[in-house]
């Protein structure tokens, strides 16, 4: 069980000059404040991109695992219904071992 620990951030009050005729927030800030704002926005964007990338990779791994499980089940089902001749002549030792000692079979 995990928990999220929040970190305390310093809260700076950024004051800018009011310029008439402009509606942009950044236009009303001085150069230092714009730079601080851009730095904060870049950090937030990088964090968001990292989270999205992590989520995408987790979903991709989950999909791969599901495909592998599906293939295993197909193979097990296919080999489970073979005749005695198949098991005596054609089956590999790995198949025989898996058939006899696999724990996920419900025989």
Protein backbone atom coordinates (compact mmCIF):
# COMPACT_ATOMS: atom_id res chain seq x y z
CA UNK A 1 0.00 0.00 0.00
CA UNK A 2 1.53 3.25 -1.06
CA UNK A 3 0.73 6.79 -0.21
CA UNK A 4 1.49 10.05 -1.88
CA UNK A 5 3.75 12.38 0.02
CA UNK A 6 3.34 15.98 -0.93
CA UNK A 7 6.33 18.25 -0.90
CA UNK A 8 6.19 21.80 0.30
CA UNK A 9 6.98 24.34 -2.35
CA UNK A 10 7.98 27.92 -1.80
CA UNK A 11 5.17 30.18 -2.89
CA UNK A 12 6.50 33.32 -4.46
CA UNK A 13 4.16 36.14 -5.22
CA UNK A 14 4.85 37.22 -8.76
CA UNK A 15 3.89 40.76 -9.52
CA UNK A 16 3.80 42.21 -12.99
CA UNK A 17 3.10 45.52 -14.61
CA UNK A 18 -0.37 46.06 -15.95
CA UNK A 19 -0.13 46.99 -19.60
CA UNK A 20 -3.29 48.31 -21.14
CA UNK A 21 -4.51 46.66 -24.30
CA UNK A 22 -2.97 43.26 -23.69
CA UNK A 23 -4.95 40.28 -22.54
CA UNK A 24 -2.05 37.87 -22.04
CA UNK A 25 -0.94 36.95 -18.55
CA UNK A 26 2.68 36.61 -19.64
CA UNK A 27 2.69 40.03 -21.26
CA UNK A 28 1.89 41.55 -17.88
CA UNK A 29 4.89 39.92 -16.17
CA UNK A 30 8.45 41.15 -16.13
CA UNK A 31 11.26 39.03 -17.65
CA UNK A 32 12.23 37.36 -14.38
CA UNK A 33 8.64 36.39 -13.60
CA UNK A 34 8.09 35.09 -17.16
CA UNK A 35 11.21 32.96 -16.85
CA UNK A 36 10.03 31.53 -13.50
CA UNK A 37 6.57 30.88 -14.96
CA UNK A 38 8.05 29.14 -18.01
CA UNK A 39 10.32 27.01 -15.81
CA UNK A 40 7.36 25.90 -13.69
CA UNK A 41 5.25 25.19 -16.78
CA UNK A 42 8.05 23.15 -18.35
CA UNK A 43 8.43 21.06 -15.19
CA UNK A 44 4.69 20.37 -15.16
CA UNK A 45 4.71 19.44 -18.85
CA UNK A 46 7.70 17.12 -18.41
CA UNK A 47 5.99 15.42 -15.47
CA UNK A 48 2.78 15.00 -17.46
CA UNK A 49 4.65 13.55 -20.45
CA UNK A 50 6.54 11.13 -18.20
CA UNK A 51 3.29 9.95 -16.60
CA UNK A 52 1.66 9.46 -20.00
CA UNK A 53 4.68 7.53 -21.26
CA UNK A 54 4.69 5.35 -18.12
CA UNK A 55 0.97 4.67 -18.48
CA UNK A 56 1.35 3.78 -22.16
CA UNK A 57 4.21 1.38 -21.43
CA UNK A 58 2.22 -0.27 -18.62
CA UNK A 59 -0.76 -0.73 -20.94
CA UNK A 60 1.52 -2.12 -23.63
CA UNK A 61 3.07 -4.60 -21.17
CA UNK A 62 -0.37 -5.64 -19.98
CA UNK A 63 -1.43 -6.27 -23.57
CA UNK A 64 1.70 -8.34 -24.26
CA UNK A 65 1.12 -10.44 -21.13
CA UNK A 66 -2.49 -11.05 -22.14
CA UNK A 67 -1.38 -12.19 -25.60
CA UNK A 68 1.21 -14.54 -24.07
CA UNK A 69 -1.36 -16.02 -21.68
CA UNK A 70 -3.78 -16.51 -24.55
CA UNK A 71 -1.12 -18.32 -26.60
CA UNK A 72 -0.22 -20.55 -23.63
CA UNK A 73 -3.86 -21.48 -23.13
CA UNK A 74 -4.30 -22.25 -26.83
CA UNK A 75 -1.20 -24.46 -26.82
CA UNK A 76 -2.29 -26.27 -23.66
CA UNK A 77 -5.79 -26.83 -25.00
CA UNK A 78 -4.40 -28.04 -28.32
CA UNK A 79 -2.01 -30.53 -26.72
CA UNK A 80 -4.46 -31.71 -24.12
CA UNK A 81 -6.68 -33.36 -26.72
CA UNK A 82 -3.99 -35.26 -28.65
CA UNK A 83 -4.14 -38.99 -29.04
CA UNK A 84 -1.87 -41.41 -27.23
CA UNK A 85 0.16 -41.84 -30.43
CA UNK A 86 1.05 -38.14 -30.42
CA UNK A 87 2.21 -38.26 -26.82
CA UNK A 88 4.31 -41.41 -27.39
CA UNK A 89 5.92 -40.42 -30.69
CA UNK A 90 5.76 -36.71 -31.53
CA UNK A 91 5.55 -34.84 -28.23
CA UNK A 92 8.70 -33.15 -26.95
CA UNK A 93 9.93 -33.67 -23.42
CA UNK A 94 9.00 -30.08 -22.60
CA UNK A 95 5.39 -30.66 -23.70
CA UNK A 96 5.16 -33.88 -21.70
CA UNK A 97 6.72 -32.22 -18.64
CA UNK A 98 4.39 -29.25 -18.92
CA UNK A 99 1.35 -31.48 -19.36
CA UNK A 100 2.18 -33.70 -16.39
CA UNK A 101 3.42 -31.11 -13.93
CA UNK A 102 1.71 -27.83 -14.75
CA UNK A 103 -0.21 -26.43 -11.80
CA UNK A 104 -2.76 -24.45 -13.77
CA UNK A 105 -4.44 -27.57 -15.16
CA UNK A 106 -7.73 -28.43 -13.54
CA UNK A 107 -7.80 -32.19 -14.04
